[in-house]
Amino acid sequence: MKHKPLFIVLLVIAVKYSGAILFFGLIILGNVRSGRTIEQRYERTVSFYNEKKDVIYSAVETGNFTELQKMKDVDVRDDGGAEGTLKDTVTVNIGGYGIVPSGGSYGIYYSPHGYFFGVSFEELKQTEDGWYSYQIFNNSDNYYYFRLIEDNFYFYEETW
């Protein structure tokens, strides 16, 4: 019985499992691409905030997010008025990493109320430099983390 060359065997395996290889490759690439620690994401967010402070303040005050939305890699969510949200809260997402079921996003969170979207201070655990909350249902490892930048503006990170 003649054996097939190794490269043919590897090619057959690669073709057969290409979907799984691609899926796991994207997860790895997404997490490597983020290539940042939470401290680096915090520094990037604070830098963005300081550079764009006038545009951010204007958007929050007027409710017009057009200029923010035009910026590369920025997604603005006006949370005010949505069911279960607090009026006038705004999320400015400036980065993300990974894909579902293993990823996250981070950016600036504005709340004039001293509360976070869907989470009150009482439900958050305070750390040395911020607040965090883990989702407890379904054995989840999802978390929310907030750190004050200034006044009512916070760095946030959420994972899923």
N, C-alpha and C. Protein backbone atom coordinates (compact mmCIF):
# COMPACT_ATOMS: atom_id res chain seq x y z
N MET A 1 0.83 -1.18 0.00
CA MET A 1 0.00 0.00 0.00
C MET A 1 0.88 1.25 0.00
N LYS A 2 0.61 2.14 -0.92
CA LYS A 2 1.40 3.35 -1.09
C LYS A 2 0.83 4.47 -0.23
N HIS A 3 1.71 5.22 0.47
CA HIS A 3 1.28 6.34 1.31
C HIS A 3 1.22 7.62 0.49
N LYS A 4 0.24 8.46 0.84
CA LYS A 4 0.13 9.76 0.19
C LYS A 4 1.22 10.68 0.73
N PRO A 5 1.73 11.57 -0.10
CA PRO A 5 2.72 12.53 0.39
C PRO A 5 2.11 13.40 1.50
N LEU A 6 2.94 13.82 2.43
CA LEU A 6 2.50 14.59 3.59
C LEU A 6 1.79 15.89 3.19
N PHE A 7 2.28 16.57 2.16
CA PHE A 7 1.64 17.84 1.78
C PHE A 7 0.22 17.62 1.28
N ILE A 8 -0.07 16.48 0.66
CA ILE A 8 -1.44 16.17 0.21
C ILE A 8 -2.32 15.93 1.42
N VAL A 9 -1.83 15.21 2.38
CA VAL A 9 -2.59 14.95 3.61
C VAL A 9 -2.88 16.29 4.31
N LEU A 10 -1.89 17.15 4.44
CA LEU A 10 -2.09 18.45 5.08
C LEU A 10 -3.05 19.33 4.29
N LEU A 11 -2.99 19.28 2.98
CA LEU A 11 -3.90 20.03 2.14
C LEU A 11 -5.34 19.57 2.33
N VAL A 12 -5.55 18.26 2.39
CA VAL A 12 -6.90 17.71 2.60
C VAL A 12 -7.43 18.14 3.96
N ILE A 13 -6.60 18.07 4.98
CA ILE A 13 -7.02 18.49 6.32
C ILE A 13 -7.36 19.98 6.33
N ALA A 14 -6.51 20.80 5.70
CA ALA A 14 -6.75 22.25 5.66
C ALA A 14 -8.07 22.58 4.96
N VAL A 15 -8.35 21.91 3.84
CA VAL A 15 -9.59 22.16 3.11
C VAL A 15 -10.79 21.70 3.93
N LYS A 16 -10.67 20.52 4.53
CA LYS A 16 -11.78 19.96 5.30
C LYS A 16 -12.13 20.83 6.50
N TYR A 17 -11.12 21.38 7.15
CA TYR A 17 -11.34 22.17 8.37
C TYR A 17 -11.10 23.65 8.15
N SER A 18 -11.20 24.12 6.93
CA SER A 18 -10.90 25.52 6.63
C SER A 18 -11.80 26.49 7.39
N GLY A 19 -13.06 26.14 7.56
CA GLY A 19 -13.97 27.02 8.30
C GLY A 19 -13.52 27.20 9.74
N ALA A 20 -13.18 26.11 10.39
CA ALA A 20 -12.72 26.18 11.78
C ALA A 20 -11.39 26.91 11.87
N ILE A 21 -10.50 26.63 10.93
CA ILE A 21 -9.19 27.30 10.93
C ILE A 21 -9.38 28.81 10.75
N LEU A 22 -10.26 29.19 9.82
CA LEU A 22 -10.53 30.60 9.59
C LEU A 22 -11.14 31.25 10.83
N PHE A 23 -12.11 30.57 11.45
CA PHE A 23 -12.79 31.10 12.64
C PHE A 23 -11.79 31.36 13.76
N PHE A 24 -10.98 30.36 14.09
CA PHE A 24 -10.01 30.53 15.17
C PHE A 24 -8.91 31.51 14.78
N GLY A 25 -8.57 31.54 13.52
CA GLY A 25 -7.59 32.52 13.04
C GLY A 25 -8.09 33.94 13.24
N LEU A 26 -9.38 34.18 12.96
CA LEU A 26 -9.95 35.51 13.15
C LEU A 26 -9.98 35.91 14.62
N ILE A 27 -10.29 34.96 15.48
CA ILE A 27 -10.29 35.25 16.92
C ILE A 27 -8.88 35.63 17.36
N ILE A 28 -7.91 34.83 16.95
CA ILE A 28 -6.52 35.11 17.34
C ILE A 28 -6.07 36.44 16.75
N LEU A 29 -6.37 36.67 15.47
CA LEU A 29 -5.98 37.92 14.82
C LEU A 29 -6.63 39.12 15.50
N GLY A 30 -7.90 39.00 15.83
CA GLY A 30 -8.59 40.10 16.50
C GLY A 30 -7.98 40.43 17.84
N ASN A 31 -7.63 39.42 18.60
CA ASN A 31 -7.03 39.67 19.91
C ASN A 31 -5.59 40.14 19.79
N VAL A 32 -4.86 39.64 18.81
CA VAL A 32 -3.49 40.11 18.60
C VAL A 32 -3.52 41.54 18.08
N ARG A 33 -4.48 41.82 17.18
CA ARG A 33 -4.58 43.15 16.59
C ARG A 33 -4.85 44.20 17.67
N SER A 34 -5.68 43.84 18.67
CA SER A 34 -5.92 44.80 19.74
C SER A 34 -4.60 45.10 20.43
N GLY A 35 -3.77 44.06 20.59
CA GLY A 35 -2.41 44.20 21.07
C GLY A 35 -2.20 45.19 22.19
N ARG A 36 -3.21 45.40 22.96
CA ARG A 36 -3.12 46.41 24.01
C ARG A 36 -3.59 45.84 25.33
N THR A 37 -2.99 46.34 26.38
CA THR A 37 -3.48 46.03 27.71
C THR A 37 -4.59 47.03 28.02
N ILE A 38 -5.28 46.81 29.10
CA ILE A 38 -6.34 47.76 29.49
C ILE A 38 -5.74 49.14 29.74
N GLU A 39 -4.52 49.19 30.27
CA GLU A 39 -3.86 50.48 30.50
C GLU A 39 -3.57 51.19 29.17
N GLN A 40 -3.15 50.44 28.17
CA GLN A 40 -2.89 51.05 26.86
C GLN A 40 -4.19 51.52 26.22
N ARG A 41 -5.28 50.76 26.39
CA ARG A 41 -6.57 51.19 25.85
C ARG A 41 -7.04 52.44 26.59
N TYR A 42 -6.81 52.50 27.89
CA TYR A 42 -7.17 53.68 28.68
C TYR A 42 -6.39 54.90 28.19
N GLU A 43 -5.07 54.74 28.01
CA GLU A 43 -4.23 55.85 27.53
C GLU A 43 -4.67 56.31 26.14
N ARG A 44 -5.00 55.37 25.26
CA ARG A 44 -5.46 55.73 23.91
C ARG A 44 -6.77 56.52 24.00
N THR A 45 -7.66 56.10 24.88
CA THR A 45 -8.95 56.76 25.05
C THR A 45 -8.78 58.15 25.61
N VAL A 46 -7.94 58.31 26.64
CA VAL A 46 -7.71 59.63 27.23
C VAL A 46 -7.06 60.57 26.22
N SER A 47 -6.14 60.05 25.43
CA SER A 47 -5.50 60.85 24.39
C SER A 47 -6.54 61.33 23.37
N PHE A 48 -7.41 60.41 22.92
CA PHE A 48 -8.49 60.76 22.00
C PHE A 48 -9.39 61.83 22.62
N TYR A 49 -9.76 61.62 23.88
CA TYR A 49 -10.62 62.56 24.60
C TYR A 49 -9.99 63.95 24.64
N ASN A 50 -8.70 64.01 24.99
CA ASN A 50 -8.02 65.30 25.09
C ASN A 50 -7.90 65.99 23.73
N GLU A 51 -7.66 65.21 22.68
CA GLU A 51 -7.53 65.78 21.33
C GLU A 51 -8.87 66.27 20.78
N LYS A 52 -9.95 65.59 21.12
CA LYS A 52 -11.27 65.87 20.53
C LYS A 52 -12.26 66.44 21.54
N LYS A 53 -11.75 66.97 22.63
CA LYS A 53 -12.62 67.43 23.72
C LYS A 53 -13.70 68.41 23.25
N ASP A 54 -13.33 69.37 22.42
CA ASP A 54 -14.30 70.37 21.95
C ASP A 54 -15.44 69.71 21.17
N VAL A 55 -15.10 68.78 20.29
CA VAL A 55 -16.11 68.09 19.48
C VAL A 55 -16.99 67.22 20.38
N ILE A 56 -16.38 66.55 21.35
CA ILE A 56 -17.14 65.69 22.26
C ILE A 56 -18.09 66.52 23.11
N TYR A 57 -17.60 67.61 23.70
CA TYR A 57 -18.46 68.48 24.51
C TYR A 57 -19.63 69.01 23.69
N SER A 58 -19.34 69.47 22.48
CA SER A 58 -20.38 70.01 21.62
C SER A 58 -21.44 68.95 21.32
N ALA A 59 -21.00 67.75 21.00
CA ALA A 59 -21.95 66.67 20.69
C ALA A 59 -22.84 66.35 21.88
N VAL A 60 -22.25 66.29 23.05
CA VAL A 60 -23.02 65.95 24.25
C VAL A 60 -24.01 67.07 24.59
N GLU A 61 -23.57 68.32 24.45
CA GLU A 61 -24.43 69.45 24.78
C GLU A 61 -25.58 69.63 23.79
N THR A 62 -25.30 69.43 22.49
CA THR A 62 -26.32 69.69 21.47
C THR A 62 -27.11 68.44 21.07
N GLY A 63 -26.54 67.27 21.33
CA GLY A 63 -27.19 66.03 20.88
C GLY A 63 -26.93 65.74 19.42
N ASN A 64 -26.06 66.52 18.78
CA ASN A 64 -25.71 66.32 17.38
C ASN A 64 -24.35 65.60 17.33
N PHE A 65 -24.35 64.34 16.89
CA PHE A 65 -23.15 63.51 16.91
C PHE A 65 -22.51 63.36 15.53
N THR A 66 -22.93 64.17 14.57
CA THR A 66 -22.48 64.06 13.20
C THR A 66 -20.96 64.14 13.09
N GLU A 67 -20.34 65.13 13.73
CA GLU A 67 -18.89 65.31 13.63
C GLU A 67 -18.14 64.13 14.25
N LEU A 68 -18.63 63.62 15.37
CA LEU A 68 -18.00 62.46 15.99
C LEU A 68 -18.12 61.23 15.09
N GLN A 69 -19.29 61.05 14.50
CA GLN A 69 -19.52 59.88 13.65
C GLN A 69 -18.62 59.87 12.42
N LYS A 70 -18.19 61.05 11.98
CA LYS A 70 -17.33 61.14 10.80
C LYS A 70 -15.91 60.65 11.07
N MET A 71 -15.52 60.60 12.33
CA MET A 71 -14.15 60.21 12.68
C MET A 71 -13.94 58.72 12.47
N LYS A 72 -12.75 58.37 11.98
CA LYS A 72 -12.40 56.97 11.72
C LYS A 72 -12.49 56.15 13.01
N ASP A 73 -13.10 54.97 12.89
CA ASP A 73 -13.20 54.01 13.99
C ASP A 73 -14.00 54.52 15.19
N VAL A 74 -14.87 55.50 14.98
CA VAL A 74 -15.68 56.01 16.08
C VAL A 74 -17.13 55.63 15.83
N ASP A 75 -17.76 55.08 16.85
CA ASP A 75 -19.18 54.75 16.79
C ASP A 75 -19.83 55.38 18.01
N VAL A 76 -20.84 56.21 17.79
CA VAL A 76 -21.49 56.90 18.89
C VAL A 76 -22.87 56.31 19.11
N ARG A 77 -23.18 56.02 20.35
CA ARG A 77 -24.51 55.52 20.70
C ARG A 77 -25.11 56.49 21.70
N ASP A 78 -26.18 57.14 21.29
CA ASP A 78 -26.92 58.03 22.18
C ASP A 78 -27.87 57.15 22.96
N ASP A 79 -27.49 56.80 24.19
CA ASP A 79 -28.28 55.86 24.98
C ASP A 79 -29.55 56.47 25.55
N GLY A 80 -29.60 57.79 25.65
CA GLY A 80 -30.74 58.45 26.27
C GLY A 80 -32.05 58.14 25.55
N GLY A 81 -33.03 57.74 26.32
CA GLY A 81 -34.34 57.48 25.76
C GLY A 81 -34.60 56.04 25.40
N ALA A 82 -33.56 55.23 25.23
CA ALA A 82 -33.78 53.82 24.93
C ALA A 82 -34.27 53.12 26.19
N GLU A 83 -35.06 52.09 26.00
CA GLU A 83 -35.62 51.38 27.15
C GLU A 83 -34.50 50.88 28.05
N GLY A 84 -34.64 51.15 29.35
CA GLY A 84 -33.65 50.69 30.31
C GLY A 84 -32.41 51.56 30.40
N THR A 85 -32.41 52.70 29.72
CA THR A 85 -31.24 53.58 29.76
C THR A 85 -31.58 54.86 30.51
N LEU A 86 -30.56 55.63 30.78
CA LEU A 86 -30.73 56.91 31.44
C LEU A 86 -30.71 58.01 30.40
N LYS A 87 -31.55 59.01 30.58
CA LYS A 87 -31.60 60.13 29.64
C LYS A 87 -30.24 60.81 29.61
N ASP A 88 -29.81 61.20 28.43
CA ASP A 88 -28.59 61.98 28.20
C ASP A 88 -27.29 61.20 28.34
N THR A 89 -27.31 59.88 28.42
CA THR A 89 -26.05 59.14 28.45
C THR A 89 -25.60 58.86 27.03
N VAL A 90 -24.29 58.92 26.81
CA VAL A 90 -23.72 58.75 25.48
C VAL A 90 -22.50 57.85 25.57
N THR A 91 -22.38 56.93 24.63
CA THR A 91 -21.21 56.06 24.53
C THR A 91 -20.48 56.38 23.24
N VAL A 92 -19.18 56.69 23.34
CA VAL A 92 -18.34 56.96 22.18
C VAL A 92 -17.34 55.81 22.09
N ASN A 93 -17.64 54.85 21.24
CA ASN A 93 -16.80 53.67 21.09
C ASN A 93 -15.65 54.01 20.15
N ILE A 94 -14.40 53.90 20.64
CA ILE A 94 -13.27 54.24 19.78
C ILE A 94 -12.40 53.04 19.45
N GLY A 95 -12.72 51.87 19.97
CA GLY A 95 -11.91 50.70 19.65
C GLY A 95 -12.58 49.42 20.07
N GLY A 96 -12.11 48.33 19.50
CA GLY A 96 -12.63 47.02 19.85
C GLY A 96 -11.63 45.95 19.47
N TYR A 97 -11.93 44.73 19.89
CA TYR A 97 -11.03 43.62 19.61
C TYR A 97 -11.81 42.31 19.67
N GLY A 98 -11.29 41.31 18.97
CA GLY A 98 -11.90 39.99 18.96
C GLY A 98 -13.22 39.98 18.22
N ILE A 99 -13.90 38.84 18.28
CA ILE A 99 -15.23 38.68 17.72
C ILE A 99 -16.05 37.86 18.70
N VAL A 100 -17.36 37.90 18.54
CA VAL A 100 -18.22 37.12 19.42
C VAL A 100 -17.86 35.66 19.24
N PRO A 101 -17.65 34.91 20.25
CA PRO A 101 -18.01 35.14 21.64
C PRO A 101 -16.88 35.64 22.51
N SER A 102 -15.81 36.14 21.94
CA SER A 102 -14.68 36.57 22.74
C SER A 102 -14.14 37.88 22.21
N GLY A 103 -14.66 38.97 22.71
CA GLY A 103 -14.22 40.27 22.23
C GLY A 103 -14.60 41.35 23.21
N GLY A 104 -14.39 42.58 22.80
CA GLY A 104 -14.72 43.70 23.66
C GLY A 104 -14.66 45.01 22.91
N SER A 105 -15.08 46.05 23.58
CA SER A 105 -14.98 47.39 23.02
C SER A 105 -14.67 48.36 24.15
N TYR A 106 -14.17 49.54 23.76
CA TYR A 106 -13.81 50.52 24.77
C TYR A 106 -13.95 51.91 24.19
N GLY A 107 -13.97 52.88 25.07
CA GLY A 107 -14.09 54.26 24.62
C GLY A 107 -14.47 55.18 25.75
N ILE A 108 -15.26 56.18 25.41
CA ILE A 108 -15.67 57.21 26.36
C ILE A 108 -17.14 57.05 26.66
N TYR A 109 -17.47 57.15 27.93
CA TYR A 109 -18.86 57.08 28.36
C TYR A 109 -19.19 58.37 29.08
N TYR A 110 -20.26 59.02 28.66
CA TYR A 110 -20.69 60.26 29.30
C TYR A 110 -22.00 60.02 30.04
N SER A 111 -22.03 60.41 31.29
CA SER A 111 -23.26 60.34 32.07
C SER A 111 -23.31 61.50 33.04
N PRO A 112 -24.27 62.40 32.88
CA PRO A 112 -24.39 63.51 33.81
C PRO A 112 -25.01 63.08 35.14
N HIS A 113 -25.42 61.80 35.24
CA HIS A 113 -26.17 61.32 36.39
C HIS A 113 -25.32 60.63 37.45
N GLY A 114 -24.08 60.31 37.14
CA GLY A 114 -23.27 59.53 38.08
C GLY A 114 -23.62 58.06 38.06
N TYR A 115 -24.32 57.63 37.02
CA TYR A 115 -24.67 56.22 36.85
C TYR A 115 -24.23 55.77 35.47
N PHE A 116 -24.00 54.49 35.33
CA PHE A 116 -23.61 53.92 34.05
C PHE A 116 -24.80 53.20 33.44
N PHE A 117 -24.79 53.07 32.13
CA PHE A 117 -25.87 52.43 31.39
C PHE A 117 -26.19 51.06 31.98
N GLY A 118 -27.37 50.93 32.52
CA GLY A 118 -27.83 49.65 33.03
C GLY A 118 -27.15 49.19 34.31
N VAL A 119 -26.25 50.01 34.86
CA VAL A 119 -25.50 49.61 36.05
C VAL A 119 -25.45 50.81 36.99
N SER A 120 -25.84 50.63 38.24
CA SER A 120 -25.72 51.73 39.19
C SER A 120 -24.43 51.57 39.98
N PHE A 121 -24.00 52.64 40.63
CA PHE A 121 -22.77 52.57 41.41
C PHE A 121 -22.86 51.49 42.50
N GLU A 122 -24.07 51.28 43.03
CA GLU A 122 -24.23 50.28 44.09
C GLU A 122 -23.92 48.87 43.59
N GLU A 123 -24.14 48.60 42.29
CA GLU A 123 -23.88 47.28 41.73
C GLU A 123 -22.43 47.11 41.30
N LEU A 124 -21.69 48.20 41.24
CA LEU A 124 -20.30 48.15 40.81
C LEU A 124 -19.38 47.97 42.01
N LYS A 125 -18.29 47.28 41.79
CA LYS A 125 -17.26 47.12 42.81
C LYS A 125 -16.20 48.18 42.54
N GLN A 126 -15.82 48.93 43.55
CA GLN A 126 -14.80 49.95 43.35
C GLN A 126 -13.41 49.34 43.48
N THR A 127 -12.52 49.75 42.58
CA THR A 127 -11.13 49.32 42.61
C THR A 127 -10.28 50.54 42.93
N GLU A 128 -8.99 50.36 42.90
CA GLU A 128 -8.07 51.45 43.17
C GLU A 128 -8.24 52.60 42.18
N ASP A 129 -8.57 52.28 40.94
CA ASP A 129 -8.64 53.33 39.91
C ASP A 129 -9.93 53.36 39.11
N GLY A 130 -10.94 52.64 39.51
CA GLY A 130 -12.20 52.67 38.76
C GLY A 130 -13.25 51.78 39.39
N TRP A 131 -14.21 51.35 38.56
CA TRP A 131 -15.28 50.48 39.00
C TRP A 131 -15.43 49.36 38.00
N TYR A 132 -15.86 48.19 38.45
CA TYR A 132 -16.10 47.10 37.53
C TYR A 132 -17.33 46.32 37.96
N SER A 133 -17.91 45.61 37.02
CA SER A 133 -19.05 44.75 37.29
C SER A 133 -18.96 43.54 36.37
N TYR A 134 -19.10 42.36 36.93
CA TYR A 134 -19.15 41.15 36.12
C TYR A 134 -20.60 40.73 35.96
N GLN A 135 -20.95 40.24 34.77
CA GLN A 135 -22.27 39.66 34.60
C GLN A 135 -22.25 38.30 35.27
N ILE A 136 -23.25 38.02 36.04
CA ILE A 136 -23.25 36.81 36.83
C ILE A 136 -24.05 35.69 36.19
N PHE A 137 -25.03 36.01 35.35
CA PHE A 137 -25.89 34.98 34.80
C PHE A 137 -25.17 34.09 33.79
N ASN A 138 -25.62 32.87 33.66
CA ASN A 138 -25.13 31.90 32.68
C ASN A 138 -23.61 31.70 32.72
N ASN A 139 -23.01 31.75 33.89
CA ASN A 139 -21.57 31.54 34.04
C ASN A 139 -20.75 32.43 33.11
N SER A 140 -21.20 33.64 32.92
CA SER A 140 -20.56 34.56 31.98
C SER A 140 -19.24 35.09 32.54
N ASP A 141 -18.31 35.39 31.65
CA ASP A 141 -17.09 36.08 32.05
C ASP A 141 -17.08 37.50 31.51
N ASN A 142 -18.24 38.00 31.10
CA ASN A 142 -18.35 39.36 30.60
C ASN A 142 -18.16 40.35 31.74
N TYR A 143 -17.57 41.50 31.43
CA TYR A 143 -17.44 42.51 32.47
C TYR A 143 -17.56 43.90 31.88
N TYR A 144 -17.83 44.83 32.76
CA TYR A 144 -17.87 46.25 32.45
C TYR A 144 -16.87 46.91 33.37
N TYR A 145 -16.09 47.82 32.84
CA TYR A 145 -15.11 48.54 33.65
C TYR A 145 -15.21 50.01 33.30
N PHE A 146 -15.22 50.86 34.30
CA PHE A 146 -15.31 52.30 34.11
C PHE A 146 -14.23 52.97 34.95
N ARG A 147 -13.61 54.01 34.38
CA ARG A 147 -12.62 54.80 35.12
C ARG A 147 -12.85 56.26 34.77
N LEU A 148 -12.91 57.11 35.77
CA LEU A 148 -13.15 58.53 35.57
C LEU A 148 -12.02 59.17 34.76
N ILE A 149 -12.39 59.92 33.72
CA ILE A 149 -11.43 60.74 32.98
C ILE A 149 -11.47 62.13 33.58
N GLU A 150 -12.65 62.75 33.56
CA GLU A 150 -12.89 64.01 34.26
C GLU A 150 -14.38 64.30 34.25
N ASP A 151 -14.80 65.04 35.26
CA ASP A 151 -16.21 65.39 35.42
C ASP A 151 -17.10 64.17 35.19
N ASN A 152 -17.97 64.21 34.21
CA ASN A 152 -18.91 63.10 33.96
C ASN A 152 -18.47 62.23 32.78
N PHE A 153 -17.23 62.30 32.41
CA PHE A 153 -16.68 61.52 31.30
C PHE A 153 -15.82 60.39 31.85
N TYR A 154 -16.07 59.18 31.37
CA TYR A 154 -15.40 57.99 31.87
C TYR A 154 -14.78 57.21 30.71
N PHE A 155 -13.69 56.52 30.99
CA PHE A 155 -13.20 55.45 30.12
C PHE A 155 -14.06 54.25 30.44
N TYR A 156 -14.49 53.52 29.42
CA TYR A 156 -15.21 52.27 29.67
C TYR A 156 -14.62 51.16 28.83
N GLU A 157 -14.75 49.96 29.32
CA GLU A 157 -14.44 48.77 28.55
C GLU A 157 -15.49 47.73 28.89
N GLU A 158 -16.00 47.08 27.86
CA GLU A 158 -16.95 46.00 28.07
C GLU A 158 -16.50 44.81 27.25
N THR A 159 -16.70 43.62 27.78
CA THR A 159 -16.34 42.41 27.05
C THR A 159 -17.56 41.53 26.92
N TRP A 160 -17.50 40.66 25.93
CA TRP A 160 -18.56 39.70 25.72
C TRP A 160 -18.00 38.37 25.33
